[in-house]
Amino acid sequence: MAPVSRHPASVLAVVRRYEAAGFRAWPAAAVHYDGTWVVRLTAGHPAKRLNSVNPLDPGDTHAIEERIGRAARRFDAYGRPLTFRMSPLSGQVLSRHLDKAGWNRFDESLVMRLPLKEVELGAAMDQIPLKDISRFIGASLRTGGSDASLRPGLSEVIGAIQPEAGLFALEDGNEPLATLICVHDGDLAGLFEVATEKSARKKGHGRNLILSALKWARLRGAREAWLQVEAGNAPALALYRSLGFEEVYRYHYRRPPGA
């Protein structure tokens, strides 16, 4: 795979592409714009991706403190902690401003990609995505070890996805083994909510389901797979790298001191 160019303009263009795809694939319930800051809020689901300020232009640095105040009021109205999601598009000026104000930095993640022409998918299972959203959500909550209270919010998010979304589950009878969502968006196939049930890990279920989803997406015209994974999730990183995924860029979250 050809490495991403280190030229700043080229890097930012690539980052903007994946950031836009991520917004479409995992939509927030409410979206507000303050200049090129995208404020995403979702009352029904606490995920940071769905409840964060996403700066999208390193050069948009006017009235930072005033705009932070406006964002804080929106987050307060939703009962969410003010959170910034800092990608390479956030820029150094904003980052230094938050450093000076003592904001905490946490939860770094990698965005990774894989050209599908480089993946052997001939032996992958031909699997039809689930049509029963309720069944998939139940399986996803189980494999991810998530609380059942997240069911309404997850249902809302999945129902709002605009590109074609394939809901994949590998099951043993009525017992879910692995789940994921594959969002086919033009030539991109985004993988979300990838999880394997705790007792079924290290048996190849996650790998097999990923390959099935990528086969499904490639048949629909996708040419590149991508995903987001927490930097501290060593088992997931090992799996993705063994499949050929490579890092494109990283992002992290920031909150005010005491948040």
C-alpha atoms as a PDB file:
ATOM      1  CA  MET A   1       0.000   0.000   0.000  1.00  0.00           C
ATOM      2  CA  ALA A   2       1.343   3.448  -0.875  1.00  0.00           C
ATOM      3  CA  PRO A   3       1.894   5.560   2.242  1.00  0.00           C
ATOM      4  CA  VAL A   4      -0.147   8.699   2.754  1.00  0.00           C
ATOM      5  CA  SER A   5       1.823  11.743   1.625  1.00  0.00           C
ATOM      6  CA  ARG A   6       3.304  13.762   4.481  1.00  0.00           C
ATOM      7  CA  HIS A   7       2.685  17.050   2.616  1.00  0.00           C
ATOM      8  CA  PRO A   8       0.286  18.968   4.890  1.00  0.00           C
ATOM      9  CA  ALA A   9      -2.224  19.781   2.137  1.00  0.00           C
ATOM     10  CA  SER A  10      -2.354  16.162   1.040  1.00  0.00           C
ATOM     11  CA  VAL A  11      -2.713  14.920   4.615  1.00  0.00           C
ATOM     12  CA  LEU A  12      -5.547  17.327   5.385  1.00  0.00           C
ATOM     13  CA  ALA A  13      -7.407  16.371   2.205  1.00  0.00           C
ATOM     14  CA  VAL A  14      -7.266  12.696   3.190  1.00  0.00           C
ATOM     15  CA  VAL A  15      -8.358  13.464   6.751  1.00  0.00           C
ATOM     16  CA  ARG A  16     -11.309  15.554   5.530  1.00  0.00           C
ATOM     17  CA  ARG A  17     -12.465  12.657   3.368  1.00  0.00           C
ATOM     18  CA  TYR A  18     -12.549  10.198   6.261  1.00  0.00           C
ATOM     19  CA  GLU A  19     -14.011  12.702   8.700  1.00  0.00           C
ATOM     20  CA  ALA A  20     -16.891  13.419   6.316  1.00  0.00           C
ATOM     21  CA  ALA A  21     -17.458   9.704   5.786  1.00  0.00           C
ATOM     22  CA  GLY A  22     -17.477   9.185   9.538  1.00  0.00           C
ATOM     23  CA  PHE A  23     -20.135  11.849  10.070  1.00  0.00           C
ATOM     24  CA  ARG A  24     -22.343  10.226   7.441  1.00  0.00           C
ATOM     25  CA  ALA A  25     -21.786   6.720   8.738  1.00  0.00           C
ATOM     26  CA  TRP A  26     -22.336   7.472  12.436  1.00  0.00           C
ATOM     27  CA  PRO A  27     -24.774  10.415  12.469  1.00  0.00           C
ATOM     28  CA  ALA A  28     -25.459  12.550  15.510  1.00  0.00           C
ATOM     29  CA  ALA A  29     -29.030  13.518  16.326  1.00  0.00           C
ATOM     30  CA  ALA A  30     -28.271  17.254  16.302  1.00  0.00           C
ATOM     31  CA  VAL A  31     -25.551  19.021  14.323  1.00  0.00           C
ATOM     32  CA  HIS A  32     -24.636  22.704  14.707  1.00  0.00           C
ATOM     33  CA  TYR A  33     -21.952  24.693  12.916  1.00  0.00           C
ATOM     34  CA  ASP A  34     -19.841  27.456  14.417  1.00  0.00           C
ATOM     35  CA  GLY A  35     -17.583  28.449  11.581  1.00  0.00           C
ATOM     36  CA  THR A  36     -15.901  25.186  10.635  1.00  0.00           C
ATOM     37  CA  TRP A  37     -16.453  23.655  14.055  1.00  0.00           C
ATOM     38  CA  VAL A  38     -19.055  20.897  13.835  1.00  0.00           C
ATOM     39  CA  VAL A  39     -20.908  20.472  17.122  1.00  0.00           C
ATOM     40  CA  ARG A  40     -22.466  16.990  17.288  1.00  0.00           C
ATOM     41  CA  LEU A  41     -24.890  16.070  20.067  1.00  0.00           C
ATOM     42  CA  THR A  42     -27.051  13.012  20.684  1.00  0.00           C
ATOM     43  CA  ALA A  43     -29.350  12.857  23.702  1.00  0.00           C
ATOM     44  CA  GLY A  44     -30.017   9.127  23.301  1.00  0.00           C
ATOM     45  CA  HIS A  45     -26.425   7.869  23.200  1.00  0.00           C
ATOM     46  CA  PRO A  46     -23.388   8.925  25.261  1.00  0.00           C
ATOM     47  CA  ALA A  47     -20.647   7.987  22.760  1.00  0.00           C
ATOM     48  CA  LYS A  48     -18.015  10.706  22.459  1.00  0.00           C
ATOM     49  CA  ARG A  49     -18.089  10.529  18.655  1.00  0.00           C
ATOM     50  CA  LEU A  50     -21.768  11.522  18.850  1.00  0.00           C
ATOM     51  CA  ASN A  51     -21.225  14.206  21.491  1.00  0.00           C
ATOM     52  CA  SER A  52     -18.223  16.318  20.579  1.00  0.00           C
ATOM     53  CA  VAL A  53     -16.990  19.477  18.916  1.00  0.00           C
ATOM     54  CA  ASN A  54     -15.103  18.607  15.721  1.00  0.00           C
ATOM     55  CA  PRO A  55     -12.893  21.422  14.351  1.00  0.00           C
ATOM     56  CA  LEU A  56     -12.376  20.935  10.612  1.00  0.00           C
ATOM     57  CA  ASP A  57      -9.986  23.738   9.572  1.00  0.00           C
ATOM     58  CA  PRO A  58      -6.610  24.491  11.216  1.00  0.00           C
ATOM     59  CA  GLY A  59      -6.916  28.097  10.059  1.00  0.00           C
ATOM     60  CA  ASP A  60     -10.241  28.749  11.772  1.00  0.00           C
ATOM     61  CA  THR A  61      -8.858  30.263  14.969  1.00  0.00           C
ATOM     62  CA  HIS A  62     -10.878  33.431  15.610  1.00  0.00           C
ATOM     63  CA  ALA A  63     -12.684  34.046  18.909  1.00  0.00           C
ATOM     64  CA  ILE A  64     -11.761  30.631  20.284  1.00  0.00           C
ATOM     65  CA  GLU A  65     -12.783  31.278  23.888  1.00  0.00           C
ATOM     66  CA  GLU A  66     -16.111  32.830  22.893  1.00  0.00           C
ATOM     67  CA  ARG A  67     -16.925  29.862  20.665  1.00  0.00           C
ATOM     68  CA  ILE A  68     -15.943  27.397  23.375  1.00  0.00           C
ATOM     69  CA  GLY A  69     -18.469  29.152  25.611  1.00  0.00           C
ATOM     70  CA  ARG A  70     -21.204  28.775  23.011  1.00  0.00           C
ATOM     71  CA  ALA A  71     -20.410  25.086  22.615  1.00  0.00           C
ATOM     72  CA  ALA A  72     -20.412  24.616  26.386  1.00  0.00           C
ATOM     73  CA  ARG A  73     -23.944  25.997  26.614  1.00  0.00           C
ATOM     74  CA  ARG A  74     -25.141  23.534  23.974  1.00  0.00           C
ATOM     75  CA  PHE A  75     -23.543  20.625  25.821  1.00  0.00           C
ATOM     76  CA  ASP A  76     -25.037  21.777  29.107  1.00  0.00           C
ATOM     77  CA  ALA A  77     -28.484  21.764  27.504  1.00  0.00           C
ATOM     78  CA  TYR A  78     -27.966  18.109  26.541  1.00  0.00           C
ATOM     79  CA  GLY A  79     -26.477  17.137  29.880  1.00  0.00           C
ATOM     80  CA  ARG A  80     -23.210  16.167  28.203  1.00  0.00           C
ATOM     81  CA  PRO A  81     -19.656  17.098  29.250  1.00  0.00           C
ATOM     82  CA  LEU A  82     -18.034  19.555  26.860  1.00  0.00           C
ATOM     83  CA  THR A  83     -15.753  17.435  24.666  1.00  0.00           C
ATOM     84  CA  PHE A  84     -13.529  18.329  21.722  1.00  0.00           C
ATOM     85  CA  ARG A  85     -12.499  15.669  19.228  1.00  0.00           C
ATOM     86  CA  MET A  86      -9.066  16.703  17.983  1.00  0.00           C
ATOM     87  CA  SER A  87      -7.969  15.400  14.567  1.00  0.00           C
ATOM     88  CA  PRO A  88      -5.172  16.846  12.396  1.00  0.00           C
ATOM     89  CA  LEU A  89      -7.837  19.286  11.137  1.00  0.00           C
ATOM     90  CA  SER A  90      -7.976  20.937  14.573  1.00  0.00           C
ATOM     91  CA  GLY A  91      -4.604  22.591  14.116  1.00  0.00           C
ATOM     92  CA  GLN A  92      -1.880  23.689  16.501  1.00  0.00           C
ATOM     93  CA  VAL A  93      -3.340  27.064  17.450  1.00  0.00           C
ATOM     94  CA  LEU A  94      -6.444  25.527  19.017  1.00  0.00           C
ATOM     95  CA  SER A  95      -4.395  22.725  20.577  1.00  0.00           C
ATOM     96  CA  ARG A  96      -2.040  25.223  22.233  1.00  0.00           C
ATOM     97  CA  HIS A  97      -5.016  27.254  23.456  1.00  0.00           C
ATOM     98  CA  LEU A  98      -6.472  24.181  25.166  1.00  0.00           C
ATOM     99  CA  ASP A  99      -3.057  23.249  26.572  1.00  0.00           C
ATOM    100  CA  LYS A 100      -2.700  26.707  28.119  1.00  0.00           C
ATOM    101  CA  ALA A 101      -6.175  26.411  29.649  1.00  0.00           C
ATOM    102  CA  GLY A 102      -5.269  23.046  31.212  1.00  0.00           C
ATOM    103  CA  TRP A 103      -7.631  20.856  29.183  1.00  0.00           C
ATOM    104  CA  ASN A 104      -7.205  17.104  29.621  1.00  0.00           C
ATOM    105  CA  ARG A 105      -6.233  14.879  26.695  1.00  0.00           C
ATOM    106  CA  PHE A 106      -7.521  11.288  26.605  1.00  0.00           C
ATOM    107  CA  ASP A 107      -8.674   8.314  24.505  1.00  0.00           C
ATOM    108  CA  GLU A 108      -6.480   8.446  21.412  1.00  0.00           C
ATOM    109  CA  SER A 109      -7.744   6.489  18.390  1.00  0.00           C
ATOM    110  CA  LEU A 110      -6.332   5.477  15.024  1.00  0.00           C
ATOM    111  CA  VAL A 111      -8.063   5.780  11.671  1.00  0.00           C
ATOM    112  CA  MET A 112      -6.912   2.892   9.471  1.00  0.00           C
ATOM    113  CA  ARG A 113      -7.514   1.940   5.854  1.00  0.00           C
ATOM    114  CA  LEU A 114      -7.161  -1.062   3.575  1.00  0.00           C
ATOM    115  CA  PRO A 115      -7.429  -1.103  -0.240  1.00  0.00           C
ATOM    116  CA  LEU A 116      -9.804  -3.958  -1.011  1.00  0.00           C
ATOM    117  CA  LYS A 117      -7.861  -5.010  -4.095  1.00  0.00           C
ATOM    118  CA  GLU A 118      -5.127  -6.144  -1.714  1.00  0.00           C
ATOM    119  CA  VAL A 119      -7.437  -8.477   0.229  1.00  0.00           C
ATOM    120  CA  GLU A 120      -8.144 -12.084  -0.733  1.00  0.00           C
ATOM    121  CA  LEU A 121     -11.893 -12.401  -0.246  1.00  0.00           C
ATOM    122  CA  GLY A 122     -12.661 -15.411  -2.414  1.00  0.00           C
ATOM    123  CA  ALA A 123     -12.852 -17.758   0.555  1.00  0.00           C
ATOM    124  CA  ALA A 124     -14.809 -15.355   2.744  1.00  0.00           C
ATOM    125  CA  MET A 125     -18.322 -16.404   3.771  1.00  0.00           C
ATOM    126  CA  ASP A 126     -21.128 -15.108   1.586  1.00  0.00           C
ATOM    127  CA  GLN A 127     -23.293 -13.559   4.264  1.00  0.00           C
ATOM    128  CA  ILE A 128     -26.485 -11.566   3.891  1.00  0.00           C
ATOM    129  CA  PRO A 129     -26.773  -8.656   6.349  1.00  0.00           C
ATOM    130  CA  LEU A 130     -29.559  -8.829   8.911  1.00  0.00           C
ATOM    131  CA  LYS A 131     -32.756  -6.961   8.077  1.00  0.00           C
ATOM    132  CA  ASP A 132     -34.061  -7.190  11.631  1.00  0.00           C
ATOM    133  CA  ILE A 133     -32.548  -4.117  13.319  1.00  0.00           C
ATOM    134  CA  SER A 134     -33.882  -5.117  16.731  1.00  0.00           C
ATOM    135  CA  ARG A 135     -32.235  -8.533  16.500  1.00  0.00           C
ATOM    136  CA  PHE A 136     -28.937  -6.987  15.437  1.00  0.00           C
ATOM    137  CA  ILE A 137     -28.973  -4.419  18.227  1.00  0.00           C
ATOM    138  CA  GLY A 138     -29.589  -7.123  20.798  1.00  0.00           C
ATOM    139  CA  ALA A 139     -26.661  -9.112  19.438  1.00  0.00           C
ATOM    140  CA  SER A 140     -24.425  -6.025  19.262  1.00  0.00           C
ATOM    141  CA  LEU A 141     -25.124  -5.042  22.856  1.00  0.00           C
ATOM    142  CA  ARG A 142     -24.324  -8.597  23.912  1.00  0.00           C
ATOM    143  CA  THR A 143     -21.034  -8.907  22.033  1.00  0.00           C
ATOM    144  CA  GLY A 144     -19.906  -5.432  23.057  1.00  0.00           C
ATOM    145  CA  GLY A 145     -20.810  -5.962  26.689  1.00  0.00           C
ATOM    146  CA  SER A 146     -22.943  -2.812  26.582  1.00  0.00           C
ATOM    147  CA  ASP A 147     -25.817  -1.903  28.863  1.00  0.00           C
ATOM    148  CA  ALA A 148     -29.328  -2.588  27.587  1.00  0.00           C
ATOM    149  CA  SER A 149     -30.202   1.054  28.291  1.00  0.00           C
ATOM    150  CA  LEU A 150     -28.266   1.965  25.129  1.00  0.00           C
ATOM    151  CA  ARG A 151     -30.734   0.084  22.923  1.00  0.00           C
ATOM    152  CA  PRO A 152     -32.976   3.085  22.024  1.00  0.00           C
ATOM    153  CA  GLY A 153     -30.017   5.342  21.286  1.00  0.00           C
ATOM    154  CA  LEU A 154     -28.212   2.761  19.164  1.00  0.00           C
ATOM    155  CA  SER A 155     -31.434   2.084  17.280  1.00  0.00           C
ATOM    156  CA  GLU A 156     -31.786   5.799  16.584  1.00  0.00           C
ATOM    157  CA  VAL A 157     -28.229   6.085  15.304  1.00  0.00           C
ATOM    158  CA  ILE A 158     -28.483   3.045  13.017  1.00  0.00           C
ATOM    159  CA  GLY A 159     -31.849   4.203  11.684  1.00  0.00           C
ATOM    160  CA  ALA A 160     -30.365   7.584  10.760  1.00  0.00           C
ATOM    161  CA  ILE A 161     -27.449   6.225   8.694  1.00  0.00           C
ATOM    162  CA  GLN A 162     -27.925   7.566   5.168  1.00  0.00           C
ATOM    163  CA  PRO A 163     -25.500   5.395   3.156  1.00  0.00           C
ATOM    164  CA  GLU A 164     -26.233   1.675   2.767  1.00  0.00           C
ATOM    165  CA  ALA A 165     -25.549  -0.062   6.083  1.00  0.00           C
ATOM    166  CA  GLY A 166     -24.977  -3.797   6.351  1.00  0.00           C
ATOM    167  CA  LEU A 167     -25.726  -5.241   9.790  1.00  0.00           C
ATOM    168  CA  PHE A 168     -23.597  -8.351  10.207  1.00  0.00           C
ATOM    169  CA  ALA A 169     -23.847 -10.950  12.969  1.00  0.00           C
ATOM    170  CA  LEU A 170     -22.181 -14.315  13.356  1.00  0.00           C
ATOM    171  CA  GLU A 171     -24.315 -16.526  15.584  1.00  0.00           C
ATOM    172  CA  ASP A 172     -24.288 -19.984  17.106  1.00  0.00           C
ATOM    173  CA  GLY A 173     -27.986 -20.747  17.267  1.00  0.00           C
ATOM    174  CA  ASN A 174     -29.419 -17.849  19.229  1.00  0.00           C
ATOM    175  CA  GLU A 175     -26.066 -16.907  20.733  1.00  0.00           C
ATOM    176  CA  PRO A 176     -24.217 -14.014  19.045  1.00  0.00           C
ATOM    177  CA  LEU A 177     -20.503 -14.576  18.539  1.00  0.00           C
ATOM    178  CA  ALA A 178     -19.456 -11.434  16.656  1.00  0.00           C
ATOM    179  CA  THR A 179     -21.140  -8.347  15.238  1.00  0.00           C
ATOM    180  CA  LEU A 180     -20.286  -5.316  13.136  1.00  0.00           C
ATOM    181  CA  ILE A 181     -21.809  -2.636  10.940  1.00  0.00           C
ATOM    182  CA  CYS A 182     -20.395  -2.092   7.449  1.00  0.00           C
ATOM    183  CA  VAL A 183     -21.380   1.237   5.900  1.00  0.00           C
ATOM    184  CA  HIS A 184     -21.015   1.284   2.120  1.00  0.00           C
ATOM    185  CA  ASP A 185     -20.521   4.890   1.016  1.00  0.00           C
ATOM    186  CA  GLY A 186     -19.413   5.189  -2.605  1.00  0.00           C
ATOM    187  CA  ASP A 187     -15.968   3.640  -2.881  1.00  0.00           C
ATOM    188  CA  LEU A 188     -15.569   3.430   0.906  1.00  0.00           C
ATOM    189  CA  ALA A 189     -16.573   0.656   3.288  1.00  0.00           C
ATOM    190  CA  GLY A 190     -16.520   1.783   6.909  1.00  0.00           C
ATOM    191  CA  LEU A 191     -16.496  -0.765   9.739  1.00  0.00           C
ATOM    192  CA  PHE A 192     -18.225   0.232  12.981  1.00  0.00           C
ATOM    193  CA  GLU A 193     -19.137  -1.400  16.296  1.00  0.00           C
ATOM    194  CA  VAL A 194     -16.875  -4.398  15.623  1.00  0.00           C
ATOM    195  CA  ALA A 195     -17.128  -6.719  18.626  1.00  0.00           C
ATOM    196  CA  THR A 196     -16.731 -10.369  19.605  1.00  0.00           C
ATOM    197  CA  GLU A 197     -18.498 -11.907  22.593  1.00  0.00           C
ATOM    198  CA  LYS A 198     -15.994 -12.274  25.421  1.00  0.00           C
ATOM    199  CA  SER A 199     -16.152 -16.075  25.719  1.00  0.00           C
ATOM    200  CA  ALA A 200     -15.800 -16.494  21.933  1.00  0.00           C
ATOM    201  CA  ARG A 201     -12.668 -14.444  21.385  1.00  0.00           C
ATOM    202  CA  LYS A 202      -9.419 -15.663  19.805  1.00  0.00           C
ATOM    203  CA  LYS A 203     -11.298 -18.146  17.618  1.00  0.00           C
ATOM    204  CA  GLY A 204     -11.303 -16.185  14.363  1.00  0.00           C
ATOM    205  CA  HIS A 205     -14.941 -15.082  14.517  1.00  0.00           C
ATOM    206  CA  GLY A 206     -14.146 -11.381  14.234  1.00  0.00           C
ATOM    207  CA  ARG A 207     -11.771 -11.925  11.314  1.00  0.00           C
ATOM    208  CA  ASN A 208     -14.284 -14.091   9.463  1.00  0.00           C
ATOM    209  CA  LEU A 209     -17.082 -11.576   9.933  1.00  0.00           C
ATOM    210  CA  ILE A 210     -14.911  -8.669   8.791  1.00  0.00           C
ATOM    211  CA  LEU A 211     -13.939 -10.545   5.624  1.00  0.00           C
ATOM    212  CA  SER A 212     -17.591 -11.353   4.918  1.00  0.00           C
ATOM    213  CA  ALA A 213     -18.560  -7.710   5.334  1.00  0.00           C
ATOM    214  CA  LEU A 214     -15.731  -6.531   3.083  1.00  0.00           C
ATOM    215  CA  LYS A 215     -16.733  -9.069   0.443  1.00  0.00           C
ATOM    216  CA  TRP A 216     -20.288  -7.732   0.600  1.00  0.00           C
ATOM    217  CA  ALA A 217     -19.067  -4.145   0.270  1.00  0.00           C
ATOM    218  CA  ARG A 218     -16.653  -4.872  -2.591  1.00  0.00           C
ATOM    219  CA  LEU A 219     -19.438  -6.512  -4.583  1.00  0.00           C
ATOM    220  CA  ARG A 220     -21.292  -3.191  -4.240  1.00  0.00           C
ATOM    221  CA  GLY A 221     -18.401  -1.135  -5.575  1.00  0.00           C
ATOM    222  CA  ALA A 222     -16.352  -0.314  -2.484  1.00  0.00           C
ATOM    223  CA  ARG A 223     -12.637  -0.086  -3.175  1.00  0.00           C
ATOM    224  CA  GLU A 224     -11.291   0.802   0.237  1.00  0.00           C
ATOM    225  CA  ALA A 225     -12.142  -0.252   3.792  1.00  0.00           C
ATOM    226  CA  TRP A 226     -11.564   2.003   6.780  1.00  0.00           C
ATOM    227  CA  LEU A 227     -12.208   1.969  10.512  1.00  0.00           C
ATOM    228  CA  GLN A 228     -11.499   3.701  13.804  1.00  0.00           C
ATOM    229  CA  VAL A 229      -9.915   1.866  16.734  1.00  0.00           C
ATOM    230  CA  GLU A 230      -8.730   2.961  20.163  1.00  0.00           C
ATOM    231  CA  ALA A 231      -4.948   3.120  20.403  1.00  0.00           C
ATOM    232  CA  GLY A 232      -4.999   1.050  23.590  1.00  0.00           C
ATOM    233  CA  ASN A 233      -7.008  -1.822  22.115  1.00  0.00           C
ATOM    234  CA  ALA A 234      -4.060  -4.106  21.404  1.00  0.00           C
ATOM    235  CA  PRO A 235      -6.061  -7.214  20.339  1.00  0.00           C
ATOM    236  CA  ALA A 236      -8.109  -5.222  17.824  1.00  0.00           C
ATOM    237  CA  LEU A 237      -5.032  -3.467  16.452  1.00  0.00           C
ATOM    238  CA  ALA A 238      -3.272  -6.795  16.012  1.00  0.00           C
ATOM    239  CA  LEU A 239      -6.271  -8.181  14.129  1.00  0.00           C
ATOM    240  CA  TYR A 240      -6.616  -5.181  11.835  1.00  0.00           C
ATOM    241  CA  ARG A 241      -2.910  -5.043  11.071  1.00  0.00           C
ATOM    242  CA  SER A 242      -2.880  -8.768  10.296  1.00  0.00           C
ATOM    243  CA  LEU A 243      -5.634  -8.095   7.748  1.00  0.00           C
ATOM    244  CA  GLY A 244      -3.495  -5.381   6.144  1.00  0.00           C
ATOM    245  CA  PHE A 245      -5.007  -2.217   7.621  1.00  0.00           C
ATOM    246  CA  GLU A 246      -2.554   0.644   8.006  1.00  0.00           C
ATOM    247  CA  GLU A 247      -2.762   3.854   9.995  1.00  0.00           C
ATOM    248  CA  VAL A 248      -3.830   7.024   8.198  1.00  0.00           C
ATOM    249  CA  TYR A 249      -4.025   9.471  11.103  1.00  0.00           C
ATOM    250  CA  ARG A 250      -4.945   9.733  14.767  1.00  0.00           C
ATOM    251  CA  TYR A 251      -7.387  11.750  16.833  1.00  0.00           C
ATOM    252  CA  HIS A 252      -8.005  12.200  20.550  1.00  0.00           C
ATOM    253  CA  TYR A 253     -10.471  13.869  22.883  1.00  0.00           C
ATOM    254  CA  ARG A 254     -10.094  16.835  25.225  1.00  0.00           C
ATOM    255  CA  ARG A 255     -12.163  18.150  28.124  1.00  0.00           C
ATOM    256  CA  PRO A 256     -11.773  21.163  30.406  1.00  0.00           C
ATOM    257  CA  PRO A 257      -9.996  20.727  33.729  1.00  0.00           C
ATOM    258  CA  GLY A 258     -12.233  19.071  36.285  1.00  0.00           C
ATOM    259  CA  ALA A 259     -14.659  17.695  33.700  1.00  0.00           C
END
